[in-house]
Amino acid sequence: MKNQWVGYIIEINNIKYYIAGDTDITPENKNIKCDVAFIPVGGTYTMDYKEAAELINIIKPEIAVPIHYGKIVGTKQDALNFEKLLDEKIKCAILIKD
């Protein structure tokens, strides 16, 4: 069964941050409006990098930050693959460097 949770949106200094958490693409999160999106790319219990890029290209934040990779699930390669699939106008901020 797919996870139906949308996540959280917080606003700080007029910048809207979307923290997707453990989720998949849903009709609800396709309608998110934000400036910065933290999106899972690990593929276990969440979206994989292809699904995450699809969602980000739909909601079009200025910055996308891949999360949920590099420790228990997913790899840095998932984050790099995610970045390659993004619309060229969306900046990707990969925070895990190793």
PDB file of N, CA and C in Angstrom:
ATOM      1  N   MET A   1       0.836  -1.181   0.000  1.00  0.00           N
ATOM      2  CA  MET A   1       0.000   0.000   0.000  1.00  0.00           C
ATOM      3  C   MET A   1       0.878   1.241   0.000  1.00  0.00           C
ATOM      4  N   LYS A   2       0.552   2.181  -0.859  1.00  0.00           N
ATOM      5  CA  LYS A   2       1.322   3.417  -0.950  1.00  0.00           C
ATOM      6  C   LYS A   2       1.014   4.323   0.237  1.00  0.00           C
ATOM      7  N   ASN A   3       2.023   5.056   0.692  1.00  0.00           N
ATOM      8  CA  ASN A   3       1.871   6.019   1.759  1.00  0.00           C
ATOM      9  C   ASN A   3       1.119   7.228   1.214  1.00  0.00           C
ATOM     10  N   GLN A   4       0.082   7.660   1.880  1.00  0.00           N
ATOM     11  CA  GLN A   4      -0.745   8.762   1.407  1.00  0.00           C
ATOM     12  C   GLN A   4      -0.464  10.087   2.113  1.00  0.00           C
ATOM     13  N   TRP A   5       0.507  10.135   3.001  1.00  0.00           N
ATOM     14  CA  TRP A   5       0.788  11.362   3.733  1.00  0.00           C
ATOM     15  C   TRP A   5       1.367  12.415   2.821  1.00  0.00           C
ATOM     16  N   VAL A   6       1.059  13.645   3.113  1.00  0.00           N
ATOM     17  CA  VAL A   6       1.520  14.762   2.291  1.00  0.00           C
ATOM     18  C   VAL A   6       2.806  15.367   2.834  1.00  0.00           C
ATOM     19  N   GLY A   7       2.999  15.430   4.138  1.00  0.00           N
ATOM     20  CA  GLY A   7       4.165  16.068   4.722  1.00  0.00           C
ATOM     21  C   GLY A   7       3.778  17.354   5.418  1.00  0.00           C
ATOM     22  N   TYR A   8       4.709  18.300   5.491  1.00  0.00           N
ATOM     23  CA  TYR A   8       4.487  19.556   6.199  1.00  0.00           C
ATOM     24  C   TYR A   8       4.961  20.724   5.351  1.00  0.00           C
ATOM     25  N   ILE A   9       4.271  21.847   5.502  1.00  0.00           N
ATOM     26  CA  ILE A   9       4.716  23.103   4.912  1.00  0.00           C
ATOM     27  C   ILE A   9       4.881  24.087   6.052  1.00  0.00           C
ATOM     28  N   ILE A  10       6.060  24.682   6.130  1.00  0.00           N
ATOM     29  CA  ILE A  10       6.294  25.734   7.111  1.00  0.00           C
ATOM     30  C   ILE A  10       6.752  26.977   6.362  1.00  0.00           C
ATOM     31  N   GLU A  11       6.457  28.129   6.928  1.00  0.00           N
ATOM     32  CA  GLU A  11       6.866  29.388   6.307  1.00  0.00           C
ATOM     33  C   GLU A  11       7.721  30.168   7.285  1.00  0.00           C
ATOM     34  N   ILE A  12       8.894  30.573   6.812  1.00  0.00           N
ATOM     35  CA  ILE A  12       9.822  31.374   7.602  1.00  0.00           C
ATOM     36  C   ILE A  12      10.274  32.534   6.729  1.00  0.00           C
ATOM     37  N   ASN A  13      10.059  33.749   7.202  1.00  0.00           N
ATOM     38  CA  ASN A  13      10.461  34.952   6.451  1.00  0.00           C
ATOM     39  C   ASN A  13       9.941  34.932   5.018  1.00  0.00           C
ATOM     40  N   ASN A  14       8.683  34.575   4.858  1.00  0.00           N
ATOM     41  CA  ASN A  14       8.006  34.537   3.548  1.00  0.00           C
ATOM     42  C   ASN A  14       8.563  33.492   2.589  1.00  0.00           C
ATOM     43  N   ILE A  15       9.311  32.535   3.097  1.00  0.00           N
ATOM     44  CA  ILE A  15       9.798  31.423   2.280  1.00  0.00           C
ATOM     45  C   ILE A  15       9.068  30.172   2.747  1.00  0.00           C
ATOM     46  N   LYS A  16       8.412  29.489   1.809  1.00  0.00           N
ATOM     47  CA  LYS A  16       7.663  28.282   2.140  1.00  0.00           C
ATOM     48  C   LYS A  16       8.537  27.053   1.908  1.00  0.00           C
ATOM     49  N   TYR A  17       8.657  26.234   2.957  1.00  0.00           N
ATOM     50  CA  TYR A  17       9.430  25.008   2.927  1.00  0.00           C
ATOM     51  C   TYR A  17       8.473  23.818   2.984  1.00  0.00           C
ATOM     52  N   TYR A  18       8.643  22.885   2.064  1.00  0.00           N
ATOM     53  CA  TYR A  18       7.863  21.655   2.068  1.00  0.00           C
ATOM     54  C   TYR A  18       8.770  20.526   2.511  1.00  0.00           C
ATOM     55  N   ILE A  19       8.414  19.876   3.614  1.00  0.00           N
ATOM     56  CA  ILE A  19       9.145  18.717   4.107  1.00  0.00           C
ATOM     57  C   ILE A  19       8.254  17.513   3.846  1.00  0.00           C
ATOM     58  N   ALA A  20       8.588  16.742   2.824  1.00  0.00           N
ATOM     59  CA  ALA A  20       7.729  15.656   2.380  1.00  0.00           C
ATOM     60  C   ALA A  20       7.707  14.495   3.366  1.00  0.00           C
ATOM     61  N   GLY A  21       8.809  14.254   4.065  1.00  0.00           N
ATOM     62  CA  GLY A  21       8.866  13.121   4.980  1.00  0.00           C
ATOM     63  C   GLY A  21       8.789  11.803   4.224  1.00  0.00           C
ATOM     64  N   ASP A  22       8.176  10.793   4.826  1.00  0.00           N
ATOM     65  CA  ASP A  22       8.026   9.472   4.200  1.00  0.00           C
ATOM     66  C   ASP A  22       6.744   9.464   3.387  1.00  0.00           C
ATOM     67  N   THR A  23       6.850   9.692   2.109  1.00  0.00           N
ATOM     68  CA  THR A  23       5.644   9.758   1.282  1.00  0.00           C
ATOM     69  C   THR A  23       5.928   9.309  -0.143  1.00  0.00           C
ATOM     70  N   ASP A  24       4.870   9.174  -0.875  1.00  0.00           N
ATOM     71  CA  ASP A  24       4.907   8.884  -2.305  1.00  0.00           C
ATOM     72  C   ASP A  24       4.234  10.043  -3.024  1.00  0.00           C
ATOM     73  N   ILE A  25       4.146   9.975  -4.339  1.00  0.00           N
ATOM     74  CA  ILE A  25       3.375  10.976  -5.076  1.00  0.00           C
ATOM     75  C   ILE A  25       1.897  10.719  -4.805  1.00  0.00           C
ATOM     76  N   THR A  26       1.191  11.787  -4.433  1.00  0.00           N
ATOM     77  CA  THR A  26      -0.246  11.702  -4.188  1.00  0.00           C
ATOM     78  C   THR A  26      -0.932  12.852  -4.919  1.00  0.00           C
ATOM     79  N   PRO A  27      -2.218  12.753  -5.136  1.00  0.00           N
ATOM     80  CA  PRO A  27      -2.931  13.907  -5.729  1.00  0.00           C
ATOM     81  C   PRO A  27      -2.758  15.167  -4.882  1.00  0.00           C
ATOM     82  N   GLU A  28      -2.704  14.995  -3.552  1.00  0.00           N
ATOM     83  CA  GLU A  28      -2.559  16.144  -2.661  1.00  0.00           C
ATOM     84  C   GLU A  28      -1.208  16.829  -2.800  1.00  0.00           C
ATOM     85  N   ASN A  29      -0.120  16.049  -2.827  1.00  0.00           N
ATOM     86  CA  ASN A  29       1.176  16.727  -2.875  1.00  0.00           C
ATOM     87  C   ASN A  29       1.528  17.240  -4.273  1.00  0.00           C
ATOM     88  N   LYS A  30       0.776  16.871  -5.269  1.00  0.00           N
ATOM     89  CA  LYS A  30       0.965  17.473  -6.602  1.00  0.00           C
ATOM     90  C   LYS A  30       0.509  18.928  -6.620  1.00  0.00           C
ATOM     91  N   ASN A  31      -0.247  19.330  -5.598  1.00  0.00           N
ATOM     92  CA  ASN A  31      -0.760  20.692  -5.514  1.00  0.00           C
ATOM     93  C   ASN A  31       0.003  21.566  -4.526  1.00  0.00           C
ATOM     94  N   ILE A  32       1.103  21.065  -3.999  1.00  0.00           N
ATOM     95  CA  ILE A  32       1.914  21.824  -3.041  1.00  0.00           C
ATOM     96  C   ILE A  32       2.505  23.049  -3.734  1.00  0.00           C
ATOM     97  N   LYS A  33       2.492  24.158  -3.011  1.00  0.00           N
ATOM     98  CA  LYS A  33       3.143  25.394  -3.473  1.00  0.00           C
ATOM     99  C   LYS A  33       4.219  25.731  -2.453  1.00  0.00           C
ATOM    100  N   CYS A  34       5.477  25.767  -2.910  1.00  0.00           N
ATOM    101  CA  CYS A  34       6.571  26.045  -1.987  1.00  0.00           C
ATOM    102  C   CYS A  34       7.756  26.629  -2.745  1.00  0.00           C
ATOM    103  N   ASP A  35       8.693  27.165  -1.978  1.00  0.00           N
ATOM    104  CA  ASP A  35       9.931  27.701  -2.542  1.00  0.00           C
ATOM    105  C   ASP A  35      11.071  26.684  -2.466  1.00  0.00           C
ATOM    106  N   VAL A  36      11.076  25.908  -1.365  1.00  0.00           N
ATOM    107  CA  VAL A  36      12.108  24.898  -1.124  1.00  0.00           C
ATOM    108  C   VAL A  36      11.403  23.599  -0.755  1.00  0.00           C
ATOM    109  N   ALA A  37      11.788  22.504  -1.395  1.00  0.00           N
ATOM    110  CA  ALA A  37      11.180  21.208  -1.114  1.00  0.00           C
ATOM    111  C   ALA A  37      12.241  20.205  -0.685  1.00  0.00           C
ATOM    112  N   PHE A  38      12.009  19.556   0.457  1.00  0.00           N
ATOM    113  CA  PHE A  38      12.843  18.467   0.936  1.00  0.00           C
ATOM    114  C   PHE A  38      12.098  17.184   0.574  1.00  0.00           C
ATOM    115  N   ILE A  39      12.684  16.387  -0.309  1.00  0.00           N
ATOM    116  CA  ILE A  39      11.946  15.294  -0.934  1.00  0.00           C
ATOM    117  C   ILE A  39      12.721  13.974  -0.836  1.00  0.00           C
ATOM    118  N   PRO A  40      12.060  12.876  -0.435  1.00  0.00           N
ATOM    119  CA  PRO A  40      12.763  11.597  -0.311  1.00  0.00           C
ATOM    120  C   PRO A  40      13.096  11.010  -1.682  1.00  0.00           C
ATOM    121  N   VAL A  41      14.265  10.394  -1.777  1.00  0.00           N
ATOM    122  CA  VAL A  41      14.691   9.781  -3.043  1.00  0.00           C
ATOM    123  C   VAL A  41      15.167   8.343  -2.860  1.00  0.00           C
ATOM    124  N   GLY A  42      15.120   7.828  -1.629  1.00  0.00           N
ATOM    125  CA  GLY A  42      15.702   6.523  -1.311  1.00  0.00           C
ATOM    126  C   GLY A  42      14.975   5.315  -1.859  1.00  0.00           C
ATOM    127  N   GLY A  43      13.654   5.430  -2.056  1.00  0.00           N
ATOM    128  CA  GLY A  43      12.911   4.351  -2.692  1.00  0.00           C
ATOM    129  C   GLY A  43      12.412   3.238  -1.784  1.00  0.00           C
ATOM    130  N   THR A  44      12.738   3.272  -0.507  1.00  0.00           N
ATOM    131  CA  THR A  44      12.200   2.284   0.423  1.00  0.00           C
ATOM    132  C   THR A  44      11.251   3.017   1.357  1.00  0.00           C
ATOM    133  N   TYR A  45       9.983   2.658   1.309  1.00  0.00           N
ATOM    134  CA  TYR A  45       8.920   3.311   2.065  1.00  0.00           C
ATOM    135  C   TYR A  45       8.618   4.725   1.560  1.00  0.00           C
ATOM    136  N   THR A  46       9.280   5.149   0.516  1.00  0.00           N
ATOM    137  CA  THR A  46       9.100   6.493  -0.038  1.00  0.00           C
ATOM    138  C   THR A  46       9.250   6.426  -1.558  1.00  0.00           C
ATOM    139  N   MET A  47       9.219   7.590  -2.162  1.00  0.00           N
ATOM    140  CA  MET A  47       9.482   7.692  -3.600  1.00  0.00           C
ATOM    141  C   MET A  47      10.919   7.284  -3.894  1.00  0.00           C
ATOM    142  N   ASP A  48      11.145   6.789  -5.104  1.00  0.00           N
ATOM    143  CA  ASP A  48      12.523   6.639  -5.560  1.00  0.00           C
ATOM    144  C   ASP A  48      12.903   7.940  -6.275  1.00  0.00           C
ATOM    145  N   TYR A  49      14.128   8.032  -6.765  1.00  0.00           N
ATOM    146  CA  TYR A  49      14.589   9.285  -7.350  1.00  0.00           C
ATOM    147  C   TYR A  49      13.789   9.693  -8.584  1.00  0.00           C
ATOM    148  N   LYS A  50      13.304   8.735  -9.364  1.00  0.00           N
ATOM    149  CA  LYS A  50      12.514   9.069 -10.557  1.00  0.00           C
ATOM    150  C   LYS A  50      11.174   9.669 -10.170  1.00  0.00           C
ATOM    151  N   GLU A  51      10.509   9.047  -9.194  1.00  0.00           N
ATOM    152  CA  GLU A  51       9.221   9.565  -8.736  1.00  0.00           C
ATOM    153  C   GLU A  51       9.393  10.932  -8.072  1.00  0.00           C
ATOM    154  N   ALA A  52      10.459  11.081  -7.306  1.00  0.00           N
ATOM    155  CA  ALA A  52      10.725  12.357  -6.638  1.00  0.00           C
ATOM    156  C   ALA A  52      10.950  13.468  -7.668  1.00  0.00           C
ATOM    157  N   ALA A  53      11.716  13.182  -8.702  1.00  0.00           N
ATOM    158  CA  ALA A  53      11.953  14.185  -9.751  1.00  0.00           C
ATOM    159  C   ALA A  53      10.654  14.524 -10.477  1.00  0.00           C
ATOM    160  N   GLU A  54       9.826  13.518 -10.701  1.00  0.00           N
ATOM    161  CA  GLU A  54       8.533  13.772 -11.342  1.00  0.00           C
ATOM    162  C   GLU A  54       7.710  14.755 -10.505  1.00  0.00           C
ATOM    163  N   LEU A  55       7.626  14.515  -9.199  1.00  0.00           N
ATOM    164  CA  LEU A  55       6.862  15.404  -8.331  1.00  0.00           C
ATOM    165  C   LEU A  55       7.460  16.810  -8.312  1.00  0.00           C
ATOM    166  N   ILE A  56       8.767  16.910  -8.166  1.00  0.00           N
ATOM    167  CA  ILE A  56       9.409  18.224  -8.122  1.00  0.00           C
ATOM    168  C   ILE A  56       9.185  18.982  -9.430  1.00  0.00           C
ATOM    169  N   ASN A  57       9.238  18.301 -10.553  1.00  0.00           N
ATOM    170  CA  ASN A  57       8.990  18.965 -11.833  1.00  0.00           C
ATOM    171  C   ASN A  57       7.537  19.405 -11.983  1.00  0.00           C
ATOM    172  N   ILE A  58       6.630  18.804 -11.213  1.00  0.00           N
ATOM    173  CA  ILE A  58       5.230  19.233 -11.205  1.00  0.00           C
ATOM    174  C   ILE A  58       5.048  20.459 -10.311  1.00  0.00           C
ATOM    175  N   ILE A  59       5.599  20.419  -9.101  1.00  0.00           N
ATOM    176  CA  ILE A  59       5.346  21.510  -8.149  1.00  0.00           C
ATOM    177  C   ILE A  59       6.293  22.694  -8.328  1.00  0.00           C
ATOM    178  N   LYS A  60       7.408  22.495  -8.970  1.00  0.00           N
ATOM    179  CA  LYS A  60       8.342  23.547  -9.373  1.00  0.00           C
ATOM    180  C   LYS A  60       8.816  24.501  -8.264  1.00  0.00           C
ATOM    181  N   PRO A  61       9.426  23.972  -7.210  1.00  0.00           N
ATOM    182  CA  PRO A  61      10.034  24.881  -6.232  1.00  0.00           C
ATOM    183  C   PRO A  61      11.301  25.487  -6.831  1.00  0.00           C
ATOM    184  N   GLU A  62      11.806  26.516  -6.210  1.00  0.00           N
ATOM    185  CA  GLU A  62      13.073  27.092  -6.670  1.00  0.00           C
ATOM    186  C   GLU A  62      14.235  26.144  -6.365  1.00  0.00           C
ATOM    187  N   ILE A  63      14.151  25.487  -5.195  1.00  0.00           N
ATOM    188  CA  ILE A  63      15.228  24.606  -4.730  1.00  0.00           C
ATOM    189  C   ILE A  63      14.623  23.275  -4.293  1.00  0.00           C
ATOM    190  N   ALA A  64      15.249  22.184  -4.691  1.00  0.00           N
ATOM    191  CA  ALA A  64      14.865  20.838  -4.256  1.00  0.00           C
ATOM    192  C   ALA A  64      16.035  20.219  -3.505  1.00  0.00           C
ATOM    193  N   VAL A  65      15.740  19.661  -2.348  1.00  0.00           N
ATOM    194  CA  VAL A  65      16.769  19.030  -1.516  1.00  0.00           C
ATOM    195  C   VAL A  65      16.416  17.553  -1.375  1.00  0.00           C
ATOM    196  N   PRO A  66      17.199  16.656  -1.980  1.00  0.00           N
ATOM    197  CA  PRO A  66      16.920  15.224  -1.815  1.00  0.00           C
ATOM    198  C   PRO A  66      17.250  14.776  -0.389  1.00  0.00           C
ATOM    199  N   ILE A  67      16.358  13.935   0.166  1.00  0.00           N
ATOM    200  CA  ILE A  67      16.555  13.414   1.519  1.00  0.00           C
ATOM    201  C   ILE A  67      16.260  11.915   1.526  1.00  0.00           C
ATOM    202  N   HIS A  68      16.490  11.292   2.657  1.00  0.00           N
ATOM    203  CA  HIS A  68      16.224   9.859   2.866  1.00  0.00           C
ATOM    204  C   HIS A  68      17.073   8.985   1.941  1.00  0.00           C
ATOM    205  N   TYR A  69      18.354   9.227   1.978  1.00  0.00           N
ATOM    206  CA  TYR A  69      19.302   8.402   1.240  1.00  0.00           C
ATOM    207  C   TYR A  69      20.644   8.464   1.953  1.00  0.00           C
ATOM    208  N   GLY A  70      21.475   7.469   1.705  1.00  0.00           N
ATOM    209  CA  GLY A  70      22.853   7.527   2.164  1.00  0.00           C
ATOM    210  C   GLY A  70      23.159   6.856   3.491  1.00  0.00           C
ATOM    211  N   LYS A  71      22.154   6.490   4.257  1.00  0.00           N
ATOM    212  CA  LYS A  71      22.418   5.814   5.535  1.00  0.00           C
ATOM    213  C   LYS A  71      21.772   4.434   5.502  1.00  0.00           C
ATOM    214  N   ILE A  72      20.488   4.375   5.802  1.00  0.00           N
ATOM    215  CA  ILE A  72      19.794   3.094   5.881  1.00  0.00           C
ATOM    216  C   ILE A  72      19.330   2.634   4.501  1.00  0.00           C
ATOM    217  N   VAL A  73      18.792   3.553   3.732  1.00  0.00           N
ATOM    218  CA  VAL A  73      18.300   3.231   2.385  1.00  0.00           C
ATOM    219  C   VAL A  73      18.866   4.226   1.391  1.00  0.00           C
ATOM    220  N   GLY A  74      18.857   3.848   0.125  1.00  0.00           N
ATOM    221  CA  GLY A  74      19.304   4.749  -0.926  1.00  0.00           C
ATOM    222  C   GLY A  74      20.789   5.065  -0.851  1.00  0.00           C
ATOM    223  N   THR A  75      21.274   5.675  -1.919  1.00  0.00           N
ATOM    224  CA  THR A  75      22.696   6.018  -2.028  1.00  0.00           C
ATOM    225  C   THR A  75      22.836   7.449  -2.537  1.00  0.00           C
ATOM    226  N   LYS A  76      24.045   7.955  -2.461  1.00  0.00           N
ATOM    227  CA  LYS A  76      24.297   9.282  -3.019  1.00  0.00           C
ATOM    228  C   LYS A  76      23.983   9.282  -4.516  1.00  0.00           C
ATOM    229  N   GLN A  77      24.167   8.152  -5.176  1.00  0.00           N
ATOM    230  CA  GLN A  77      23.852   8.068  -6.595  1.00  0.00           C
ATOM    231  C   GLN A  77      22.371   8.362  -6.854  1.00  0.00           C
ATOM    232  N   ASP A  78      21.506   7.968  -5.920  1.00  0.00           N
ATOM    233  CA  ASP A  78      20.082   8.294  -6.049  1.00  0.00           C
ATOM    234  C   ASP A  78      19.889   9.812  -6.091  1.00  0.00           C
ATOM    235  N   ALA A  79      20.599  10.528  -5.230  1.00  0.00           N
ATOM    236  CA  ALA A  79      20.505  11.996  -5.211  1.00  0.00           C
ATOM    237  C   ALA A  79      21.041  12.589  -6.517  1.00  0.00           C
ATOM    238  N   LEU A  80      22.149  12.049  -7.006  1.00  0.00           N
ATOM    239  CA  LEU A  80      22.728  12.551  -8.257  1.00  0.00           C
ATOM    240  C   LEU A  80      21.810  12.265  -9.449  1.00  0.00           C
ATOM    241  N   ASN A  81      21.216  11.078  -9.459  1.00  0.00           N
ATOM    242  CA  ASN A  81      20.273  10.737 -10.533  1.00  0.00           C
ATOM    243  C   ASN A  81      19.039  11.635 -10.477  1.00  0.00           C
ATOM    244  N   PHE A  82      18.560  11.920  -9.275  1.00  0.00           N
ATOM    245  CA  PHE A  82      17.441  12.836  -9.058  1.00  0.00           C
ATOM    246  C   PHE A  82      17.755  14.196  -9.672  1.00  0.00           C
ATOM    247  N   GLU A  83      18.928  14.713  -9.359  1.00  0.00           N
ATOM    248  CA  GLU A  83      19.337  16.026  -9.855  1.00  0.00           C
ATOM    249  C   GLU A  83      19.325  16.077 -11.386  1.00  0.00           C
ATOM    250  N   LYS A  84      19.766  15.016 -12.037  1.00  0.00           N
ATOM    251  CA  LYS A  84      19.823  14.976 -13.502  1.00  0.00           C
ATOM    252  C   LYS A  84      18.437  15.039 -14.146  1.00  0.00           C
ATOM    253  N   LEU A  85      17.404  14.603 -13.421  1.00  0.00           N
ATOM    254  CA  LEU A  85      16.057  14.551 -13.977  1.00  0.00           C
ATOM    255  C   LEU A  85      15.249  15.829 -13.745  1.00  0.00           C
ATOM    256  N   LEU A  86      15.822  16.774 -13.004  1.00  0.00           N
ATOM    257  CA  LEU A  86      15.088  17.994 -12.691  1.00  0.00           C
ATOM    258  C   LEU A  86      15.081  18.972 -13.861  1.00  0.00           C
ATOM    259  N   ASP A  87      13.991  19.718 -13.940  1.00  0.00           N
ATOM    260  CA  ASP A  87      13.905  20.839 -14.872  1.00  0.00           C
ATOM    261  C   ASP A  87      15.111  21.743 -14.620  1.00  0.00           C
ATOM    262  N   GLU A  88      15.703  22.268 -15.656  1.00  0.00           N
ATOM    263  CA  GLU A  88      16.937  23.061 -15.513  1.00  0.00           C
ATOM    264  C   GLU A  88      16.743  24.325 -14.677  1.00  0.00           C
ATOM    265  N   LYS A  89      15.523  24.788 -14.482  1.00  0.00           N
ATOM    266  CA  LYS A  89      15.263  25.992 -13.690  1.00  0.00           C
ATOM    267  C   LYS A  89      15.216  25.713 -12.195  1.00  0.00           C
ATOM    268  N   ILE A  90      15.174  24.425 -11.823  1.00  0.00           N
ATOM    269  CA  ILE A  90      15.104  24.053 -10.409  1.00  0.00           C
ATOM    270  C   ILE A  90      16.503  23.708  -9.908  1.00  0.00           C
ATOM    271  N   LYS A  91      16.938  24.420  -8.868  1.00  0.00           N
ATOM    272  CA  LYS A  91      18.254  24.157  -8.295  1.00  0.00           C
ATOM    273  C   LYS A  91      18.164  22.966  -7.341  1.00  0.00           C
ATOM    274  N   CYS A  92      19.132  22.080  -7.409  1.00  0.00           N
ATOM    275  CA  CYS A  92      19.202  20.938  -6.513  1.00  0.00           C
ATOM    276  C   CYS A  92      20.314  21.173  -5.494  1.00  0.00           C
ATOM    277  N   ALA A  93      19.979  21.008  -4.220  1.00  0.00           N
ATOM    278  CA  ALA A  93      20.969  21.181  -3.153  1.00  0.00           C
ATOM    279  C   ALA A  93      21.210  19.813  -2.506  1.00  0.00           C
ATOM    280  N   ILE A  94      22.302  19.170  -2.894  1.00  0.00           N
ATOM    281  CA  ILE A  94      22.675  17.885  -2.314  1.00  0.00           C
ATOM    282  C   ILE A  94      23.496  18.161  -1.061  1.00  0.00           C
ATOM    283  N   LEU A  95      22.951  17.796   0.093  1.00  0.00           N
ATOM    284  CA  LEU A  95      23.587  18.117   1.367  1.00  0.00           C
ATOM    285  C   LEU A  95      24.542  17.042   1.850  1.00  0.00           C
ATOM    286  N   ILE A  96      24.308  15.789   1.498  1.00  0.00           N
ATOM    287  CA  ILE A  96      25.204  14.710   1.903  1.00  0.00           C
ATOM    288  C   ILE A  96      26.310  14.608   0.850  1.00  0.00           C
ATOM    289  N   LYS A  97      27.499  14.943   1.214  1.00  0.00           N
ATOM    290  CA  LYS A  97      28.613  15.028   0.255  1.00  0.00           C
ATOM    291  C   LYS A  97      29.341  13.707   0.060  1.00  0.00           C
ATOM    292  N   ASP A  98      29.313  12.814   1.036  1.00  0.00           N
ATOM    293  CA  ASP A  98      30.032  11.531   0.914  1.00  0.00           C
ATOM    294  C   ASP A  98      29.151  10.453   0.360  1.00  0.00           C
TER     295      ASP A  98
END
